[in-house]
Amino acid sequence: MTITKTTYGKLPAIQINSPDGAQAIVTLYGAHLVSWKTRDGKERIFVSSQSSLDGSRAIRGGVPVIFPQFAERGDGMRHGFARVSHWREGASRTIGGDAYCEFDLDAGDLPPGIAAAWPYGFALTLRVTVGAESLQLSLDVRNTGNERFDFAAALHTYYLVEEGAGAKVTGLEATPLVVGDKIDRIYRHIGAPIGLNGMKLEQAGFRDAVLWNPGPADAAKLADLGDDEWRRFVCIEPATVDQMPLLPGETWSGRHTITA
């Protein structure tokens, strides 16, 4: 295993290399996974060619960490502040053929404006584990304060879809879905694995799954998405869309495992 400090665009980042040759890159801005290559060297994650990679705004693509609210379902900023905060590199280790690195964020890391708008004691840890043919993202949310807070969470994963292949999704509806235009659906109470073009997606802790692609009309309104790039990804995100309570001293954990 090697853990290497690098840059992605203008952003400080960590590159994780597993003993089997797989690789992931995570920016400290947002603890945002921006690349995952299996041991065959194949990229599995989409990032827009037009995305800002200087910390001025959220990255378009990769795996944004959504916390403490989903979309506009709350009083704070859209999709929360975790994806636009500066995280710290934490522990790293090799276990068998897998390698992981952790990323940490707590209330003391927030700028004053955000901290004032969400004045709760919390600590987040994202663990990124890379194997030869698998990626696991584990998110822990801890209440370190003296009062309850309510939160939502998601790992907004943008999967790269090869040109002309389309996105065939199984496990969410009675028949397979082929995503070729705008789609925005929430599926509740996910238990069984989801399939995407031969990959298996499993989740635990997250109650819901969100399937999203902007389609051509909405994509044209997004300044950080290139022409026709909507054809090259589909988002399937493990999520708990509705706010849930966390009492002082409690920890919630959500896990997302992708097997190619």
C-alpha atoms as a PDB file:
ATOM      1  CA  MET A   1       0.000   0.000   0.000  1.00  0.00           C
ATOM      2  CA  THR A   2       1.106   3.526  -0.668  1.00  0.00           C
ATOM      3  CA  ILE A   3      -0.600   6.714   0.493  1.00  0.00           C
ATOM      4  CA  THR A   4       0.683   9.661  -1.531  1.00  0.00           C
ATOM      5  CA  LYS A   5       0.033  13.366  -1.206  1.00  0.00           C
ATOM      6  CA  THR A   6      -0.825  14.793  -4.617  1.00  0.00           C
ATOM      7  CA  THR A   7      -2.976  17.468  -6.240  1.00  0.00           C
ATOM      8  CA  TYR A   8      -6.130  17.222  -8.302  1.00  0.00           C
ATOM      9  CA  GLY A   9      -6.567  20.391 -10.310  1.00  0.00           C
ATOM     10  CA  LYS A  10      -5.495  22.964  -7.713  1.00  0.00           C
ATOM     11  CA  LEU A  11      -6.753  20.909  -4.762  1.00  0.00           C
ATOM     12  CA  PRO A  12      -4.569  19.023  -2.267  1.00  0.00           C
ATOM     13  CA  ALA A  13      -5.436  15.345  -2.500  1.00  0.00           C
ATOM     14  CA  ILE A  14      -4.517  11.875  -1.266  1.00  0.00           C
ATOM     15  CA  GLN A  15      -3.863   8.978  -3.628  1.00  0.00           C
ATOM     16  CA  ILE A  16      -4.535   5.515  -2.203  1.00  0.00           C
ATOM     17  CA  ASN A  17      -2.885   2.534  -3.939  1.00  0.00           C
ATOM     18  CA  SER A  18      -3.878  -0.960  -2.900  1.00  0.00           C
ATOM     19  CA  PRO A  19      -1.384  -3.844  -2.943  1.00  0.00           C
ATOM     20  CA  ASP A  20      -3.302  -5.304  -5.910  1.00  0.00           C
ATOM     21  CA  GLY A  21      -2.802  -2.207  -8.070  1.00  0.00           C
ATOM     22  CA  ALA A  22      -6.176  -0.466  -7.673  1.00  0.00           C
ATOM     23  CA  GLN A  23      -6.167   3.266  -7.000  1.00  0.00           C
ATOM     24  CA  ALA A  24      -8.356   6.053  -5.647  1.00  0.00           C
ATOM     25  CA  ILE A  25      -7.838   9.816  -5.340  1.00  0.00           C
ATOM     26  CA  VAL A  26      -9.628  11.870  -2.676  1.00  0.00           C
ATOM     27  CA  THR A  27      -9.375  15.662  -2.383  1.00  0.00           C
ATOM     28  CA  LEU A  28      -9.174  17.134   1.107  1.00  0.00           C
ATOM     29  CA  TYR A  29     -11.716  19.702  -0.092  1.00  0.00           C
ATOM     30  CA  GLY A  30     -14.945  17.888   0.671  1.00  0.00           C
ATOM     31  CA  ALA A  31     -13.232  14.509   1.305  1.00  0.00           C
ATOM     32  CA  HIS A  32     -14.336  14.149  -2.288  1.00  0.00           C
ATOM     33  CA  LEU A  33     -13.444  10.942  -4.139  1.00  0.00           C
ATOM     34  CA  VAL A  34     -12.644  12.018  -7.701  1.00  0.00           C
ATOM     35  CA  SER A  35     -11.132   8.853  -9.175  1.00  0.00           C
ATOM     36  CA  TRP A  36     -11.374   5.108  -8.652  1.00  0.00           C
ATOM     37  CA  LYS A  37      -9.504   2.731 -10.914  1.00  0.00           C
ATOM     38  CA  THR A  38      -9.747  -1.022 -10.505  1.00  0.00           C
ATOM     39  CA  ARG A  39      -6.552  -3.053 -10.879  1.00  0.00           C
ATOM     40  CA  ASP A  40      -7.048  -3.251 -14.659  1.00  0.00           C
ATOM     41  CA  GLY A  41      -6.577   0.538 -14.773  1.00  0.00           C
ATOM     42  CA  LYS A  42     -10.189   1.222 -15.769  1.00  0.00           C
ATOM     43  CA  GLU A  43     -11.675   4.475 -14.437  1.00  0.00           C
ATOM     44  CA  ARG A  44     -15.087   3.951 -12.834  1.00  0.00           C
ATOM     45  CA  ILE A  45     -15.959   7.477 -11.657  1.00  0.00           C
ATOM     46  CA  PHE A  46     -17.099  10.506 -13.677  1.00  0.00           C
ATOM     47  CA  VAL A  47     -15.894  14.076 -13.053  1.00  0.00           C
ATOM     48  CA  SER A  48     -17.037  16.904 -15.332  1.00  0.00           C
ATOM     49  CA  SER A  49     -14.430  18.537 -17.542  1.00  0.00           C
ATOM     50  CA  GLN A  50     -15.975  21.883 -16.579  1.00  0.00           C
ATOM     51  CA  SER A  51     -15.903  21.403 -12.828  1.00  0.00           C
ATOM     52  CA  SER A  52     -14.138  23.963 -10.664  1.00  0.00           C
ATOM     53  CA  LEU A  53     -11.123  22.295  -9.052  1.00  0.00           C
ATOM     54  CA  ASP A  54      -9.897  25.230  -7.000  1.00  0.00           C
ATOM     55  CA  GLY A  55     -12.122  25.102  -3.918  1.00  0.00           C
ATOM     56  CA  SER A  56     -14.378  27.928  -5.087  1.00  0.00           C
ATOM     57  CA  ARG A  57     -17.432  25.685  -5.370  1.00  0.00           C
ATOM     58  CA  ALA A  58     -18.483  22.057  -5.031  1.00  0.00           C
ATOM     59  CA  ILE A  59     -16.946  19.569  -7.469  1.00  0.00           C
ATOM     60  CA  ARG A  60     -19.293  18.317 -10.191  1.00  0.00           C
ATOM     61  CA  GLY A  61     -18.880  14.554 -10.250  1.00  0.00           C
ATOM     62  CA  GLY A  62     -16.981  12.062  -8.126  1.00  0.00           C
ATOM     63  CA  VAL A  63     -18.571  11.245  -4.771  1.00  0.00           C
ATOM     64  CA  PRO A  64     -19.723  14.347  -2.859  1.00  0.00           C
ATOM     65  CA  VAL A  65     -20.402  13.769   0.850  1.00  0.00           C
ATOM     66  CA  ILE A  66     -23.894  15.092   1.574  1.00  0.00           C
ATOM     67  CA  PHE A  67     -24.377  16.300   5.181  1.00  0.00           C
ATOM     68  CA  PRO A  68     -26.321  17.583   7.128  1.00  0.00           C
ATOM     69  CA  GLN A  69     -29.181  18.000   4.636  1.00  0.00           C
ATOM     70  CA  PHE A  70     -30.185  16.508   1.309  1.00  0.00           C
ATOM     71  CA  ALA A  71     -30.860  18.985  -1.539  1.00  0.00           C
ATOM     72  CA  GLU A  72     -33.169  21.747  -0.266  1.00  0.00           C
ATOM     73  CA  ARG A  73     -34.787  19.575   2.425  1.00  0.00           C
ATOM     74  CA  GLY A  74     -33.711  21.832   5.299  1.00  0.00           C
ATOM     75  CA  ASP A  75     -32.847  25.396   6.250  1.00  0.00           C
ATOM     76  CA  GLY A  76     -29.153  25.281   5.363  1.00  0.00           C
ATOM     77  CA  MET A  77     -27.165  25.295   2.132  1.00  0.00           C
ATOM     78  CA  ARG A  78     -28.152  22.880  -0.612  1.00  0.00           C
ATOM     79  CA  HIS A  79     -26.726  19.398   0.072  1.00  0.00           C
ATOM     80  CA  GLY A  80     -25.057  20.710   3.235  1.00  0.00           C
ATOM     81  CA  PHE A  81     -21.595  21.981   4.049  1.00  0.00           C
ATOM     82  CA  ALA A  82     -19.512  18.776   4.166  1.00  0.00           C
ATOM     83  CA  ARG A  83     -18.806  18.771   0.427  1.00  0.00           C
ATOM     84  CA  VAL A  84     -17.414  22.341   0.529  1.00  0.00           C
ATOM     85  CA  SER A  85     -15.427  22.034   3.769  1.00  0.00           C
ATOM     86  CA  HIS A  86     -11.723  21.309   4.177  1.00  0.00           C
ATOM     87  CA  TRP A  87     -11.214  17.890   5.775  1.00  0.00           C
ATOM     88  CA  ARG A  88      -8.117  16.470   7.475  1.00  0.00           C
ATOM     89  CA  GLU A  89      -6.234  13.326   6.502  1.00  0.00           C
ATOM     90  CA  GLY A  90      -6.644  10.657   9.182  1.00  0.00           C
ATOM     91  CA  ALA A  91      -5.496   7.083   9.765  1.00  0.00           C
ATOM     92  CA  SER A  92      -4.452   4.724   6.976  1.00  0.00           C
ATOM     93  CA  ARG A  93      -3.748   0.995   6.909  1.00  0.00           C
ATOM     94  CA  THR A  94      -3.501  -2.136   4.760  1.00  0.00           C
ATOM     95  CA  ILE A  95      -5.721  -5.125   5.589  1.00  0.00           C
ATOM     96  CA  GLY A  96      -4.966  -8.111   3.360  1.00  0.00           C
ATOM     97  CA  GLY A  97      -5.190  -6.901  -0.227  1.00  0.00           C
ATOM     98  CA  ASP A  98      -7.155  -3.758   0.683  1.00  0.00           C
ATOM     99  CA  ALA A  99      -5.886  -0.308   1.641  1.00  0.00           C
ATOM    100  CA  TYR A 100      -7.801   2.440   3.403  1.00  0.00           C
ATOM    101  CA  CYS A 101      -7.410   6.064   4.372  1.00  0.00           C
ATOM    102  CA  GLU A 102      -9.679   8.061   6.659  1.00  0.00           C
ATOM    103  CA  PHE A 103     -10.721  11.696   6.399  1.00  0.00           C
ATOM    104  CA  ASP A 104     -12.010  13.729   9.355  1.00  0.00           C
ATOM    105  CA  LEU A 105     -14.159  16.829   9.808  1.00  0.00           C
ATOM    106  CA  ASP A 106     -15.535  18.309  13.010  1.00  0.00           C
ATOM    107  CA  ALA A 107     -17.156  21.498  14.239  1.00  0.00           C
ATOM    108  CA  GLY A 108     -13.783  23.158  14.814  1.00  0.00           C
ATOM    109  CA  ASP A 109     -12.942  22.877  11.112  1.00  0.00           C
ATOM    110  CA  LEU A 110     -15.876  24.994   9.965  1.00  0.00           C
ATOM    111  CA  PRO A 111     -15.525  28.660   9.007  1.00  0.00           C
ATOM    112  CA  PRO A 112     -17.403  31.039  11.334  1.00  0.00           C
ATOM    113  CA  GLY A 113     -20.336  31.660   8.992  1.00  0.00           C
ATOM    114  CA  ILE A 114     -21.157  27.982   8.567  1.00  0.00           C
ATOM    115  CA  ALA A 115     -20.498  27.198  12.230  1.00  0.00           C
ATOM    116  CA  ALA A 116     -22.935  29.906  13.291  1.00  0.00           C
ATOM    117  CA  ALA A 117     -25.646  28.512  11.014  1.00  0.00           C
ATOM    118  CA  TRP A 118     -25.198  24.936  12.315  1.00  0.00           C
ATOM    119  CA  PRO A 119     -23.950  25.292  15.922  1.00  0.00           C
ATOM    120  CA  TYR A 120     -23.807  21.623  16.941  1.00  0.00           C
ATOM    121  CA  GLY A 121     -20.990  19.439  18.167  1.00  0.00           C
ATOM    122  CA  PHE A 122     -20.264  16.803  15.546  1.00  0.00           C
ATOM    123  CA  ALA A 123     -17.473  14.731  14.039  1.00  0.00           C
ATOM    124  CA  LEU A 124     -17.476  13.047  10.635  1.00  0.00           C
ATOM    125  CA  THR A 125     -15.125  10.299   9.484  1.00  0.00           C
ATOM    126  CA  LEU A 126     -15.089   9.033   5.918  1.00  0.00           C
ATOM    127  CA  ARG A 127     -13.096   5.841   5.375  1.00  0.00           C
ATOM    128  CA  VAL A 128     -12.173   5.016   1.765  1.00  0.00           C
ATOM    129  CA  THR A 129     -11.136   1.387   1.283  1.00  0.00           C
ATOM    130  CA  VAL A 130      -9.679   0.290  -2.044  1.00  0.00           C
ATOM    131  CA  GLY A 131      -9.438  -3.345  -3.161  1.00  0.00           C
ATOM    132  CA  ALA A 132      -8.510  -4.956  -6.469  1.00  0.00           C
ATOM    133  CA  GLU A 133     -12.105  -4.893  -7.742  1.00  0.00           C
ATOM    134  CA  SER A 134     -13.960  -3.071  -4.984  1.00  0.00           C
ATOM    135  CA  LEU A 135     -14.403   0.291  -3.321  1.00  0.00           C
ATOM    136  CA  GLN A 136     -15.993   0.818   0.072  1.00  0.00           C
ATOM    137  CA  LEU A 137     -16.984   4.195   1.498  1.00  0.00           C
ATOM    138  CA  SER A 138     -17.929   4.281   5.176  1.00  0.00           C
ATOM    139  CA  LEU A 139     -19.314   7.445   6.759  1.00  0.00           C
ATOM    140  CA  ASP A 140     -19.542   7.836  10.544  1.00  0.00           C
ATOM    141  CA  VAL A 141     -21.482  10.741  12.069  1.00  0.00           C
ATOM    142  CA  ARG A 142     -20.924  11.370  15.793  1.00  0.00           C
ATOM    143  CA  ASN A 143     -22.771  13.772  18.055  1.00  0.00           C
ATOM    144  CA  THR A 144     -20.026  15.261  20.236  1.00  0.00           C
ATOM    145  CA  GLY A 145     -22.193  18.001  21.695  1.00  0.00           C
ATOM    146  CA  ASN A 146     -24.733  18.299  24.486  1.00  0.00           C
ATOM    147  CA  GLU A 147     -27.916  18.487  22.432  1.00  0.00           C
ATOM    148  CA  ARG A 148     -29.659  16.445  19.794  1.00  0.00           C
ATOM    149  CA  PHE A 149     -29.343  17.354  16.146  1.00  0.00           C
ATOM    150  CA  ASP A 150     -31.222  16.133  13.080  1.00  0.00           C
ATOM    151  CA  PHE A 151     -29.397  15.330   9.843  1.00  0.00           C
ATOM    152  CA  ALA A 152     -29.566  13.644   6.479  1.00  0.00           C
ATOM    153  CA  ALA A 153     -26.654  12.035   4.637  1.00  0.00           C
ATOM    154  CA  ALA A 154     -25.764  10.654   1.215  1.00  0.00           C
ATOM    155  CA  LEU A 155     -22.797   9.639  -0.929  1.00  0.00           C
ATOM    156  CA  HIS A 156     -23.736  11.225  -4.263  1.00  0.00           C
ATOM    157  CA  THR A 157     -21.836   8.816  -6.533  1.00  0.00           C
ATOM    158  CA  TYR A 158     -21.352   9.714 -10.221  1.00  0.00           C
ATOM    159  CA  TYR A 159     -20.618   6.512 -12.162  1.00  0.00           C
ATOM    160  CA  LEU A 160     -18.789   6.801 -15.460  1.00  0.00           C
ATOM    161  CA  VAL A 161     -20.766   5.322 -18.345  1.00  0.00           C
ATOM    162  CA  GLU A 162     -18.831   4.382 -21.477  1.00  0.00           C
ATOM    163  CA  GLU A 163     -19.775   6.139 -24.705  1.00  0.00           C
ATOM    164  CA  GLY A 164     -22.664   4.337 -26.369  1.00  0.00           C
ATOM    165  CA  ALA A 165     -23.068   1.808 -23.549  1.00  0.00           C
ATOM    166  CA  GLY A 166     -25.895   3.531 -21.695  1.00  0.00           C
ATOM    167  CA  ALA A 167     -26.701   2.847 -18.048  1.00  0.00           C
ATOM    168  CA  LYS A 168     -28.647  -0.339 -17.261  1.00  0.00           C
ATOM    169  CA  VAL A 169     -29.838  -0.345 -13.656  1.00  0.00           C
ATOM    170  CA  THR A 170     -31.335  -3.357 -11.904  1.00  0.00           C
ATOM    171  CA  GLY A 171     -32.713  -3.936  -8.425  1.00  0.00           C
ATOM    172  CA  LEU A 172     -34.674  -0.708  -8.029  1.00  0.00           C
ATOM    173  CA  GLU A 173     -37.771  -1.585 -10.035  1.00  0.00           C
ATOM    174  CA  ALA A 174     -39.438  -4.799 -11.190  1.00  0.00           C
ATOM    175  CA  THR A 175     -37.753  -4.575 -14.575  1.00  0.00           C
ATOM    176  CA  PRO A 176     -34.332  -3.175 -15.531  1.00  0.00           C
ATOM    177  CA  LEU A 177     -34.092   0.568 -16.165  1.00  0.00           C
ATOM    178  CA  VAL A 178     -32.078   1.977 -19.042  1.00  0.00           C
ATOM    179  CA  VAL A 179     -31.216   5.592 -18.264  1.00  0.00           C
ATOM    180  CA  GLY A 180     -31.111   7.696 -21.412  1.00  0.00           C
ATOM    181  CA  ASP A 181     -32.758  10.955 -20.401  1.00  0.00           C
ATOM    182  CA  LYS A 182     -33.682  12.980 -17.335  1.00  0.00           C
ATOM    183  CA  ILE A 183     -34.452  10.915 -14.260  1.00  0.00           C
ATOM    184  CA  ASP A 184     -34.760  11.895 -10.590  1.00  0.00           C
ATOM    185  CA  ARG A 185     -36.267   9.228  -8.338  1.00  0.00           C
ATOM    186  CA  ILE A 186     -36.005   8.292  -4.668  1.00  0.00           C
ATOM    187  CA  TYR A 187     -36.328   4.609  -3.778  1.00  0.00           C
ATOM    188  CA  ARG A 188     -37.117   3.806  -0.158  1.00  0.00           C
ATOM    189  CA  HIS A 189     -36.040   0.970   2.144  1.00  0.00           C
ATOM    190  CA  ILE A 190     -33.198  -0.426   0.053  1.00  0.00           C
ATOM    191  CA  GLY A 191     -32.017  -3.867   1.124  1.00  0.00           C
ATOM    192  CA  ALA A 192     -30.975  -5.917  -1.885  1.00  0.00           C
ATOM    193  CA  PRO A 193     -27.967  -5.018  -4.074  1.00  0.00           C
ATOM    194  CA  ILE A 194     -28.360  -2.681  -7.049  1.00  0.00           C
ATOM    195  CA  GLY A 195     -26.787  -3.567 -10.385  1.00  0.00           C
ATOM    196  CA  LEU A 196     -25.207  -1.117 -12.841  1.00  0.00           C
ATOM    197  CA  ASN A 197     -23.623  -2.366 -16.062  1.00  0.00           C
ATOM    198  CA  GLY A 198     -22.171  -5.429 -14.369  1.00  0.00           C
ATOM    199  CA  MET A 199     -21.202  -3.727 -11.095  1.00  0.00           C
ATOM    200  CA  LYS A 200     -22.838  -4.596  -7.767  1.00  0.00           C
ATOM    201  CA  LEU A 201     -23.758  -1.739  -5.404  1.00  0.00           C
ATOM    202  CA  GLU A 202     -24.544  -2.537  -1.778  1.00  0.00           C
ATOM    203  CA  GLN A 203     -25.440  -0.229   1.093  1.00  0.00           C
ATOM    204  CA  ALA A 204     -26.025  -0.433   4.824  1.00  0.00           C
ATOM    205  CA  GLY A 205     -27.194   2.260   7.230  1.00  0.00           C
ATOM    206  CA  PHE A 206     -28.462   4.386   4.348  1.00  0.00           C
ATOM    207  CA  ARG A 207     -32.200   3.750   4.035  1.00  0.00           C
ATOM    208  CA  ASP A 208     -32.805   5.086   0.522  1.00  0.00           C
ATOM    209  CA  ALA A 209     -31.267   5.215  -2.935  1.00  0.00           C
ATOM    210  CA  VAL A 210     -31.489   8.129  -5.369  1.00  0.00           C
ATOM    211  CA  LEU A 211     -31.227   7.662  -9.139  1.00  0.00           C
ATOM    212  CA  TRP A 212     -30.402  10.865 -11.012  1.00  0.00           C
ATOM    213  CA  ASN A 213     -29.347  12.215 -14.378  1.00  0.00           C
ATOM    214  CA  PRO A 214     -30.176  15.780 -15.508  1.00  0.00           C
ATOM    215  CA  GLY A 215     -30.934  14.890 -19.139  1.00  0.00           C
ATOM    216  CA  PRO A 216     -30.088  17.280 -21.975  1.00  0.00           C
ATOM    217  CA  ALA A 217     -32.362  20.222 -21.089  1.00  0.00           C
ATOM    218  CA  ASP A 218     -31.330  20.532 -17.434  1.00  0.00           C
ATOM    219  CA  ALA A 219     -27.706  19.736 -18.224  1.00  0.00           C
ATOM    220  CA  ALA A 220     -27.566  22.727 -20.588  1.00  0.00           C
ATOM    221  CA  LYS A 221     -28.339  24.976 -17.595  1.00  0.00           C
ATOM    222  CA  LEU A 222     -25.378  23.690 -15.601  1.00  0.00           C
ATOM    223  CA  ALA A 223     -22.283  25.799 -16.176  1.00  0.00           C
ATOM    224  CA  ASP A 224     -20.032  23.141 -14.639  1.00  0.00           C
ATOM    225  CA  LEU A 225     -21.112  20.338 -16.996  1.00  0.00           C
ATOM    226  CA  GLY A 226     -19.742  20.037 -20.528  1.00  0.00           C
ATOM    227  CA  ASP A 227     -21.799  19.599 -23.681  1.00  0.00           C
ATOM    228  CA  ASP A 228     -23.313  16.110 -23.827  1.00  0.00           C
ATOM    229  CA  GLU A 229     -21.481  15.044 -20.649  1.00  0.00           C
ATOM    230  CA  TRP A 230     -24.837  14.037 -19.177  1.00  0.00           C
ATOM    231  CA  ARG A 231     -24.599  10.999 -21.462  1.00  0.00           C
ATOM    232  CA  ARG A 232     -21.420   9.849 -19.701  1.00  0.00           C
ATOM    233  CA  PHE A 233     -22.686   9.322 -16.153  1.00  0.00           C
ATOM    234  CA  VAL A 234     -25.495   8.208 -13.944  1.00  0.00           C
ATOM    235  CA  CYS A 235     -25.821   8.952 -10.224  1.00  0.00           C
ATOM    236  CA  ILE A 236     -26.916   6.146  -7.932  1.00  0.00           C
ATOM    237  CA  GLU A 237     -26.464   7.356  -4.406  1.00  0.00           C
ATOM    238  CA  PRO A 238     -27.004   5.643  -1.070  1.00  0.00           C
ATOM    239  CA  ALA A 239     -28.887   8.147   1.033  1.00  0.00           C
ATOM    240  CA  THR A 240     -31.026   8.833   4.028  1.00  0.00           C
ATOM    241  CA  VAL A 241     -33.030  11.635   2.478  1.00  0.00           C
ATOM    242  CA  ASP A 242     -35.244  12.503   5.429  1.00  0.00           C
ATOM    243  CA  GLN A 243     -33.728  14.064   8.549  1.00  0.00           C
ATOM    244  CA  MET A 244     -33.058  11.661  11.413  1.00  0.00           C
ATOM    245  CA  PRO A 245     -32.185  12.445  15.041  1.00  0.00           C
ATOM    246  CA  LEU A 246     -28.808  11.839  16.690  1.00  0.00           C
ATOM    247  CA  LEU A 247     -28.566  12.192  20.460  1.00  0.00           C
ATOM    248  CA  PRO A 248     -25.469  13.376  22.359  1.00  0.00           C
ATOM    249  CA  GLY A 249     -22.828  10.649  22.389  1.00  0.00           C
ATOM    250  CA  GLU A 250     -24.453   8.623  19.631  1.00  0.00           C
ATOM    251  CA  THR A 251     -22.875   7.564  16.318  1.00  0.00           C
ATOM    252  CA  TRP A 252     -24.601   6.756  13.031  1.00  0.00           C
ATOM    253  CA  SER A 253     -22.800   4.792  10.335  1.00  0.00           C
ATOM    254  CA  GLY A 254     -23.528   4.354   6.632  1.00  0.00           C
ATOM    255  CA  ARG A 255     -21.639   2.097   4.250  1.00  0.00           C
ATOM    256  CA  HIS A 256     -21.478   1.859   0.465  1.00  0.00           C
ATOM    257  CA  THR A 257     -19.670  -1.035  -1.252  1.00  0.00           C
ATOM    258  CA  ILE A 258     -19.109  -1.180  -5.013  1.00  0.00           C
ATOM    259  CA  THR A 259     -17.861  -4.373  -6.620  1.00  0.00           C
ATOM    260  CA  ALA A 260     -16.778  -4.298 -10.267  1.00  0.00           C
END
